[in-house]
Amino acid sequence: MGNSNLTENKNIEEFFFKNKESLSREAHVTIILYKLWLESGGKSGNRFHSEDIAFAAFENWPTEYSWNLEKYSHLPSMDKLRRPLENARKDYGWMNGKKNADQSIDGYSLTEQGLKLGRKYIHLLSDEPQEKANNNINKHIINYLSRIKKNNYFKLYLKENKEAVIADITIYDVAEILETSLSNMKRFNEKFRDTKLYLTNYEDDNNDKLLMFFNLIEDLFEEIDKKWLL
């Protein structure tokens, strides 16, 4: 486990982890939480119980989080997770939440900085080459973004025909792009935010342009609740 200098600078762009062994526990549990977030569908604000995070961290790195006595070494130790989770929340701002005996309160969710850290270093959890690991993260989300890229309005945008998009697109078209409906505006706005998060956290062709396309849509429609957005 790396003895990192995280407390000196909390900007993730200044961190460099070359392998799993160089990760601090704070970074590792944050990346584990990112992995759980992706596997659950990558919805904004998803919260995960501390015991789920502990077990996933243990599965990924048993020697780092097991009980000390050999006869119990097959079990995860919550004591070894408690402080890293709280440090990741309080000191580094990578997650929100808390550990609590009340299961209705217990749990953690990622902040925007935590998402960035997870995206940058999730490949360190896998023994696969980085490119293959990144491509296998979540095919559901990748396929969803691929469908959006086939949308005619986005194709117009790529052809630098922004004015035609502005003139023709309606809020109903946006709902169709998001594969949702306007009957539940809370869900509509959540889906809009989720999609922007996917575009921020997945490297792929045209994702930057698709994010700009969504920023244009966001500016066009007052129905889109800005408090949900990044």
C-alpha atoms as a PDB file:
ATOM      1  CA  MET A   1       0.000   0.000   0.000  1.00  0.00           C
ATOM      2  CA  GLY A   2       1.425   3.338  -1.020  1.00  0.00           C
ATOM      3  CA  ASN A   3       2.239   5.927   1.632  1.00  0.00           C
ATOM      4  CA  SER A   4       0.839   8.739  -0.474  1.00  0.00           C
ATOM      5  CA  ASN A   5       0.983  12.481   0.098  1.00  0.00           C
ATOM      6  CA  LEU A   6      -2.762  12.973  -0.412  1.00  0.00           C
ATOM      7  CA  THR A   7      -3.143  15.354   2.506  1.00  0.00           C
ATOM      8  CA  GLU A   8      -0.708  17.796   0.912  1.00  0.00           C
ATOM      9  CA  ASN A   9      -2.811  18.374  -2.195  1.00  0.00           C
ATOM     10  CA  LYS A  10      -6.321  17.102  -2.811  1.00  0.00           C
ATOM     11  CA  ASN A  11      -6.366  17.869  -6.549  1.00  0.00           C
ATOM     12  CA  ILE A  12      -6.483  14.463  -8.228  1.00  0.00           C
ATOM     13  CA  GLU A  13      -4.653  15.791 -11.281  1.00  0.00           C
ATOM     14  CA  GLU A  14      -1.529  15.987  -9.121  1.00  0.00           C
ATOM     15  CA  PHE A  15      -1.689  12.359  -8.000  1.00  0.00           C
ATOM     16  CA  PHE A  16       0.074   9.570  -9.819  1.00  0.00           C
ATOM     17  CA  PHE A  17      -0.526   5.909  -9.021  1.00  0.00           C
ATOM     18  CA  LYS A  18       1.379   3.479 -11.229  1.00  0.00           C
ATOM     19  CA  ASN A  19      -0.117   0.237  -9.863  1.00  0.00           C
ATOM     20  CA  LYS A  20      -2.484  -1.084  -7.211  1.00  0.00           C
ATOM     21  CA  GLU A  21       0.313  -1.361  -4.662  1.00  0.00           C
ATOM     22  CA  SER A  22       0.953   2.383  -4.909  1.00  0.00           C
ATOM     23  CA  LEU A  23      -2.660   3.288  -4.041  1.00  0.00           C
ATOM     24  CA  SER A  24      -3.526   4.688  -0.644  1.00  0.00           C
ATOM     25  CA  ARG A  25      -6.453   3.006   1.064  1.00  0.00           C
ATOM     26  CA  GLU A  26      -8.457   6.216   0.583  1.00  0.00           C
ATOM     27  CA  ALA A  27      -7.856   6.090  -3.164  1.00  0.00           C
ATOM     28  CA  HIS A  28      -8.489   2.349  -3.356  1.00  0.00           C
ATOM     29  CA  VAL A  29     -11.855   2.419  -1.567  1.00  0.00           C
ATOM     30  CA  THR A  30     -12.918   5.382  -3.704  1.00  0.00           C
ATOM     31  CA  ILE A  31     -12.074   3.463  -6.883  1.00  0.00           C
ATOM     32  CA  ILE A  32     -13.915   0.436  -5.486  1.00  0.00           C
ATOM     33  CA  LEU A  33     -16.949   2.667  -4.901  1.00  0.00           C
ATOM     34  CA  TYR A  34     -16.631   3.898  -8.495  1.00  0.00           C
ATOM     35  CA  LYS A  35     -16.601   0.282  -9.688  1.00  0.00           C
ATOM     36  CA  LEU A  36     -19.765  -0.468  -7.696  1.00  0.00           C
ATOM     37  CA  TRP A  37     -21.361   2.683  -9.147  1.00  0.00           C
ATOM     38  CA  LEU A  38     -20.620   1.545 -12.689  1.00  0.00           C
ATOM     39  CA  GLU A  39     -21.844  -1.988 -12.083  1.00  0.00           C
ATOM     40  CA  SER A  40     -25.126  -0.636 -10.718  1.00  0.00           C
ATOM     41  CA  GLY A  41     -25.780   1.325 -13.921  1.00  0.00           C
ATOM     42  CA  GLY A  42     -23.972   4.561 -13.110  1.00  0.00           C
ATOM     43  CA  LYS A  43     -26.960   6.541 -11.802  1.00  0.00           C
ATOM     44  CA  SER A  44     -26.248   9.869 -10.143  1.00  0.00           C
ATOM     45  CA  GLY A  45     -26.295   9.870  -6.354  1.00  0.00           C
ATOM     46  CA  ASN A  46     -26.274   6.078  -5.994  1.00  0.00           C
ATOM     47  CA  ARG A  47     -25.390   5.200  -2.392  1.00  0.00           C
ATOM     48  CA  PHE A  48     -23.713   1.972  -1.294  1.00  0.00           C
ATOM     49  CA  HIS A  49     -23.628   0.479   2.179  1.00  0.00           C
ATOM     50  CA  SER A  50     -20.250   0.546   3.893  1.00  0.00           C
ATOM     51  CA  GLU A  51     -20.273  -3.241   4.243  1.00  0.00           C
ATOM     52  CA  ASP A  52     -20.774  -3.651   0.480  1.00  0.00           C
ATOM     53  CA  ILE A  53     -17.800  -1.361  -0.125  1.00  0.00           C
ATOM     54  CA  ALA A  54     -15.751  -3.266   2.464  1.00  0.00           C
ATOM     55  CA  PHE A  55     -16.498  -6.645   0.915  1.00  0.00           C
ATOM     56  CA  ALA A  56     -15.762  -5.390  -2.621  1.00  0.00           C
ATOM     57  CA  ALA A  57     -12.460  -3.868  -1.444  1.00  0.00           C
ATOM     58  CA  PHE A  58     -11.571  -7.124   0.307  1.00  0.00           C
ATOM     59  CA  GLU A  59     -12.410  -9.174  -2.791  1.00  0.00           C
ATOM     60  CA  ASN A  60     -10.166  -6.971  -4.910  1.00  0.00           C
ATOM     61  CA  TRP A  61      -7.300  -6.877  -2.407  1.00  0.00           C
ATOM     62  CA  PRO A  62      -7.728  -9.551   0.300  1.00  0.00           C
ATOM     63  CA  THR A  63      -4.294  -9.167   1.891  1.00  0.00           C
ATOM     64  CA  GLU A  64      -4.892  -5.445   2.516  1.00  0.00           C
ATOM     65  CA  TYR A  65      -8.279  -5.693   4.234  1.00  0.00           C
ATOM     66  CA  SER A  66      -8.386  -9.109   5.905  1.00  0.00           C
ATOM     67  CA  TRP A  67      -8.372  -9.803   9.624  1.00  0.00           C
ATOM     68  CA  ASN A  68      -4.881 -10.106  11.085  1.00  0.00           C
ATOM     69  CA  LEU A  69      -5.195 -13.585  12.598  1.00  0.00           C
ATOM     70  CA  GLU A  70      -4.547 -16.235   9.981  1.00  0.00           C
ATOM     71  CA  LYS A  71      -7.602 -18.306  10.960  1.00  0.00           C
ATOM     72  CA  TYR A  72      -9.803 -15.258  10.154  1.00  0.00           C
ATOM     73  CA  SER A  73      -7.839 -14.016   7.139  1.00  0.00           C
ATOM     74  CA  HIS A  74     -10.663 -15.094   4.829  1.00  0.00           C
ATOM     75  CA  LEU A  75     -12.871 -12.344   6.319  1.00  0.00           C
ATOM     76  CA  PRO A  76     -12.903  -8.577   5.578  1.00  0.00           C
ATOM     77  CA  SER A  77     -12.067  -6.265   8.457  1.00  0.00           C
ATOM     78  CA  MET A  78     -14.322  -3.229   8.797  1.00  0.00           C
ATOM     79  CA  ASP A  79     -11.741  -1.654  11.110  1.00  0.00           C
ATOM     80  CA  LYS A  80      -9.351  -1.359   8.156  1.00  0.00           C
ATOM     81  CA  LEU A  81     -12.048   0.323   6.058  1.00  0.00           C
ATOM     82  CA  ARG A  82     -13.585   2.735   8.534  1.00  0.00           C
ATOM     83  CA  ARG A  83     -10.829   5.354   8.572  1.00  0.00           C
ATOM     84  CA  PRO A  84     -10.111   5.302   4.794  1.00  0.00           C
ATOM     85  CA  LEU A  85     -13.809   5.821   4.062  1.00  0.00           C
ATOM     86  CA  GLU A  86     -14.030   8.753   6.452  1.00  0.00           C
ATOM     87  CA  ASN A  87     -10.760  10.255   5.181  1.00  0.00           C
ATOM     88  CA  ALA A  88     -11.944   9.927   1.586  1.00  0.00           C
ATOM     89  CA  ARG A  89     -15.108  11.796   2.568  1.00  0.00           C
ATOM     90  CA  LYS A  90     -13.855  14.401   5.012  1.00  0.00           C
ATOM     91  CA  ASP A  91     -10.279  15.124   3.939  1.00  0.00           C
ATOM     92  CA  TYR A  92     -10.309  14.534   0.198  1.00  0.00           C
ATOM     93  CA  GLY A  93     -13.915  15.204  -0.815  1.00  0.00           C
ATOM     94  CA  TRP A  94     -14.173  12.061  -2.941  1.00  0.00           C
ATOM     95  CA  MET A  95     -17.414  10.780  -1.450  1.00  0.00           C
ATOM     96  CA  ASN A  96     -20.418  11.769   0.636  1.00  0.00           C
ATOM     97  CA  GLY A  97     -22.111   9.786   3.389  1.00  0.00           C
ATOM     98  CA  LYS A  98     -21.171   8.009   6.588  1.00  0.00           C
ATOM     99  CA  LYS A  99     -20.947   4.656   8.310  1.00  0.00           C
ATOM    100  CA  ASN A 100     -23.857   4.055  10.652  1.00  0.00           C
ATOM    101  CA  ALA A 101     -25.350   1.072  12.475  1.00  0.00           C
ATOM    102  CA  ASP A 102     -28.729   2.192  11.104  1.00  0.00           C
ATOM    103  CA  GLN A 103     -28.795   0.675   7.609  1.00  0.00           C
ATOM    104  CA  SER A 104     -31.257   3.295   6.424  1.00  0.00           C
ATOM    105  CA  ILE A 105     -28.601   5.963   7.057  1.00  0.00           C
ATOM    106  CA  ASP A 106     -25.388   4.037   6.396  1.00  0.00           C
ATOM    107  CA  GLY A 107     -23.689   4.405   3.027  1.00  0.00           C
ATOM    108  CA  TYR A 108     -21.513   6.441   0.678  1.00  0.00           C
ATOM    109  CA  SER A 109     -21.888   8.017  -2.754  1.00  0.00           C
ATOM    110  CA  LEU A 110     -19.278   9.553  -5.046  1.00  0.00           C
ATOM    111  CA  THR A 111     -18.667  13.248  -5.538  1.00  0.00           C
ATOM    112  CA  GLU A 112     -17.580  14.671  -8.881  1.00  0.00           C
ATOM    113  CA  GLN A 113     -13.928  14.473  -7.722  1.00  0.00           C
ATOM    114  CA  GLY A 114     -14.450  10.862  -6.681  1.00  0.00           C
ATOM    115  CA  LEU A 115     -15.853  10.063 -10.107  1.00  0.00           C
ATOM    116  CA  LYS A 116     -12.797  11.612 -11.736  1.00  0.00           C
ATOM    117  CA  LEU A 117     -10.424   9.641  -9.522  1.00  0.00           C
ATOM    118  CA  GLY A 118     -12.281   6.403 -10.217  1.00  0.00           C
ATOM    119  CA  ARG A 119     -12.316   6.970 -13.949  1.00  0.00           C
ATOM    120  CA  LYS A 120      -8.617   7.771 -14.014  1.00  0.00           C
ATOM    121  CA  TYR A 121      -7.453   4.759 -12.022  1.00  0.00           C
ATOM    122  CA  ILE A 122     -10.074   2.006 -12.267  1.00  0.00           C
ATOM    123  CA  HIS A 123      -7.765   0.044 -14.552  1.00  0.00           C
ATOM    124  CA  LEU A 124      -5.455  -0.507 -11.564  1.00  0.00           C
ATOM    125  CA  LEU A 125      -8.061  -2.831 -10.028  1.00  0.00           C
ATOM    126  CA  SER A 126      -7.745  -5.223 -12.934  1.00  0.00           C
ATOM    127  CA  ASP A 127      -4.942  -7.473 -14.121  1.00  0.00           C
ATOM    128  CA  GLU A 128      -6.107  -6.845 -17.678  1.00  0.00           C
ATOM    129  CA  PRO A 129      -4.354  -4.276 -19.879  1.00  0.00           C
ATOM    130  CA  GLN A 130      -5.747  -0.789 -19.268  1.00  0.00           C
ATOM    131  CA  GLU A 131      -7.419  -0.420 -22.673  1.00  0.00           C
ATOM    132  CA  LYS A 132      -9.249  -3.738 -22.359  1.00  0.00           C
ATOM    133  CA  ALA A 133     -10.264  -3.061 -18.766  1.00  0.00           C
ATOM    134  CA  ASN A 134     -11.663   0.380 -19.660  1.00  0.00           C
ATOM    135  CA  ASN A 135     -13.618  -1.017 -22.598  1.00  0.00           C
ATOM    136  CA  ASN A 136     -15.185  -3.703 -20.401  1.00  0.00           C
ATOM    137  CA  ILE A 137     -16.293  -1.355 -17.600  1.00  0.00           C
ATOM    138  CA  ASN A 138     -19.950  -1.138 -18.506  1.00  0.00           C
ATOM    139  CA  LYS A 139     -21.199  -2.188 -21.925  1.00  0.00           C
ATOM    140  CA  HIS A 140     -24.733  -1.041 -21.079  1.00  0.00           C
ATOM    141  CA  ILE A 141     -23.654   2.583 -20.770  1.00  0.00           C
ATOM    142  CA  ILE A 142     -21.351   2.414 -23.790  1.00  0.00           C
ATOM    143  CA  ASN A 143     -24.190   1.003 -25.913  1.00  0.00           C
ATOM    144  CA  TYR A 144     -26.553   3.713 -24.617  1.00  0.00           C
ATOM    145  CA  LEU A 145     -24.115   6.459 -25.668  1.00  0.00           C
ATOM    146  CA  SER A 146     -23.641   4.776 -29.044  1.00  0.00           C
ATOM    147  CA  ARG A 147     -27.390   4.960 -29.670  1.00  0.00           C
ATOM    148  CA  ILE A 148     -27.400   8.680 -28.874  1.00  0.00           C
ATOM    149  CA  LYS A 149     -24.580   9.227 -31.357  1.00  0.00           C
ATOM    150  CA  LYS A 150     -26.845   7.854 -34.086  1.00  0.00           C
ATOM    151  CA  ASN A 151     -29.496  10.493 -33.386  1.00  0.00           C
ATOM    152  CA  ASN A 152     -30.206  12.762 -36.350  1.00  0.00           C
ATOM    153  CA  TYR A 153     -29.950  15.951 -34.298  1.00  0.00           C
ATOM    154  CA  PHE A 154     -26.501  15.001 -33.064  1.00  0.00           C
ATOM    155  CA  LYS A 155     -25.488  14.190 -36.640  1.00  0.00           C
ATOM    156  CA  LEU A 156     -26.635  17.678 -37.630  1.00  0.00           C
ATOM    157  CA  TYR A 157     -24.568  19.129 -34.801  1.00  0.00           C
ATOM    158  CA  LEU A 158     -21.486  17.213 -35.984  1.00  0.00           C
ATOM    159  CA  LYS A 159     -21.971  18.763 -39.422  1.00  0.00           C
ATOM    160  CA  GLU A 160     -21.734  22.165 -37.714  1.00  0.00           C
ATOM    161  CA  ASN A 161     -25.403  22.811 -38.439  1.00  0.00           C
ATOM    162  CA  LYS A 162     -26.080  24.143 -34.958  1.00  0.00           C
ATOM    163  CA  GLU A 163     -28.761  26.585 -36.132  1.00  0.00           C
ATOM    164  CA  ALA A 164     -30.834  23.765 -37.628  1.00  0.00           C
ATOM    165  CA  VAL A 165     -30.681  21.900 -34.317  1.00  0.00           C
ATOM    166  CA  ILE A 166     -31.793  25.005 -32.412  1.00  0.00           C
ATOM    167  CA  ALA A 167     -34.648  25.638 -34.834  1.00  0.00           C
ATOM    168  CA  ASP A 168     -36.063  22.113 -34.954  1.00  0.00           C
ATOM    169  CA  ILE A 169     -35.363  20.185 -31.759  1.00  0.00           C
ATOM    170  CA  THR A 170     -38.131  19.998 -29.144  1.00  0.00           C
ATOM    171  CA  ILE A 171     -38.200  18.848 -25.540  1.00  0.00           C
ATOM    172  CA  TYR A 172     -39.982  15.703 -26.774  1.00  0.00           C
ATOM    173  CA  ASP A 173     -37.009  14.989 -29.018  1.00  0.00           C
ATOM    174  CA  VAL A 174     -34.732  15.356 -26.001  1.00  0.00           C
ATOM    175  CA  ALA A 175     -36.825  12.831 -24.062  1.00  0.00           C
ATOM    176  CA  GLU A 176     -36.533  10.427 -26.993  1.00  0.00           C
ATOM    177  CA  ILE A 177     -32.751  10.890 -27.028  1.00  0.00           C
ATOM    178  CA  LEU A 178     -32.656  10.097 -23.298  1.00  0.00           C
ATOM    179  CA  GLU A 179     -34.920   7.062 -23.802  1.00  0.00           C
ATOM    180  CA  THR A 180     -37.353   8.387 -21.225  1.00  0.00           C
ATOM    181  CA  SER A 181     -40.589  10.412 -21.189  1.00  0.00           C
ATOM    182  CA  LEU A 182     -41.852  13.794 -19.996  1.00  0.00           C
ATOM    183  CA  SER A 183     -44.464  12.221 -17.728  1.00  0.00           C
ATOM    184  CA  ASN A 184     -41.906  12.129 -14.895  1.00  0.00           C
ATOM    185  CA  MET A 185     -39.792  15.293 -15.043  1.00  0.00           C
ATOM    186  CA  LYS A 186     -37.704  14.289 -12.038  1.00  0.00           C
ATOM    187  CA  ARG A 187     -36.655  11.117 -13.821  1.00  0.00           C
ATOM    188  CA  PHE A 188     -36.131  13.087 -17.044  1.00  0.00           C
ATOM    189  CA  ASN A 189     -33.718  15.452 -15.284  1.00  0.00           C
ATOM    190  CA  GLU A 190     -31.966  12.592 -13.501  1.00  0.00           C
ATOM    191  CA  LYS A 191     -31.462  10.854 -16.867  1.00  0.00           C
ATOM    192  CA  PHE A 192     -30.105  14.078 -18.360  1.00  0.00           C
ATOM    193  CA  ARG A 193     -27.609  14.411 -15.519  1.00  0.00           C
ATOM    194  CA  ASP A 194     -26.688  10.717 -15.643  1.00  0.00           C
ATOM    195  CA  THR A 195     -25.943  11.007 -19.348  1.00  0.00           C
ATOM    196  CA  LYS A 196     -23.676  13.995 -18.780  1.00  0.00           C
ATOM    197  CA  LEU A 197     -21.876  12.031 -16.073  1.00  0.00           C
ATOM    198  CA  TYR A 198     -21.362   9.125 -18.466  1.00  0.00           C
ATOM    199  CA  LEU A 199     -19.900  11.487 -21.050  1.00  0.00           C
ATOM    200  CA  THR A 200     -17.549  12.927 -18.443  1.00  0.00           C
ATOM    201  CA  ASN A 201     -16.382   9.525 -17.243  1.00  0.00           C
ATOM    202  CA  TYR A 202     -16.053   7.463 -20.420  1.00  0.00           C
ATOM    203  CA  GLU A 203     -13.357   7.935 -23.020  1.00  0.00           C
ATOM    204  CA  ASP A 204     -14.675   7.314 -26.515  1.00  0.00           C
ATOM    205  CA  ASP A 205     -14.863   8.945 -29.936  1.00  0.00           C
ATOM    206  CA  ASN A 206     -17.076  12.055 -30.060  1.00  0.00           C
ATOM    207  CA  ASN A 207     -17.867  12.069 -26.324  1.00  0.00           C
ATOM    208  CA  ASP A 208     -16.515  15.614 -25.996  1.00  0.00           C
ATOM    209  CA  LYS A 209     -18.701  16.764 -28.882  1.00  0.00           C
ATOM    210  CA  LEU A 210     -21.688  14.906 -27.491  1.00  0.00           C
ATOM    211  CA  LEU A 211     -21.182  16.667 -24.157  1.00  0.00           C
ATOM    212  CA  MET A 212     -21.153  20.012 -25.989  1.00  0.00           C
ATOM    213  CA  PHE A 213     -24.359  18.930 -27.735  1.00  0.00           C
ATOM    214  CA  PHE A 214     -25.963  18.270 -24.346  1.00  0.00           C
ATOM    215  CA  ASN A 215     -24.758  21.625 -23.058  1.00  0.00           C
ATOM    216  CA  LEU A 216     -26.515  23.250 -26.013  1.00  0.00           C
ATOM    217  CA  ILE A 217     -29.722  21.363 -25.220  1.00  0.00           C
ATOM    218  CA  GLU A 218     -29.440  22.388 -21.576  1.00  0.00           C
ATOM    219  CA  ASP A 219     -29.323  26.054 -22.583  1.00  0.00           C
ATOM    220  CA  LEU A 220     -32.280  25.714 -24.939  1.00  0.00           C
ATOM    221  CA  PHE A 221     -34.937  24.337 -22.589  1.00  0.00           C
ATOM    222  CA  GLU A 222     -36.124  25.829 -19.330  1.00  0.00           C
ATOM    223  CA  GLU A 223     -37.776  22.491 -18.511  1.00  0.00           C
ATOM    224  CA  ILE A 224     -34.315  21.122 -17.769  1.00  0.00           C
ATOM    225  CA  ASP A 225     -33.768  21.673 -14.066  1.00  0.00           C
ATOM    226  CA  LYS A 226     -30.303  23.235 -13.728  1.00  0.00           C
ATOM    227  CA  LYS A 227     -29.923  22.242 -10.077  1.00  0.00           C
ATOM    228  CA  TRP A 228     -29.526  18.628 -11.177  1.00  0.00           C
ATOM    229  CA  LEU A 229     -26.672  19.378 -13.518  1.00  0.00           C
ATOM    230  CA  LEU A 230     -22.918  19.539 -13.315  1.00  0.00           C
END
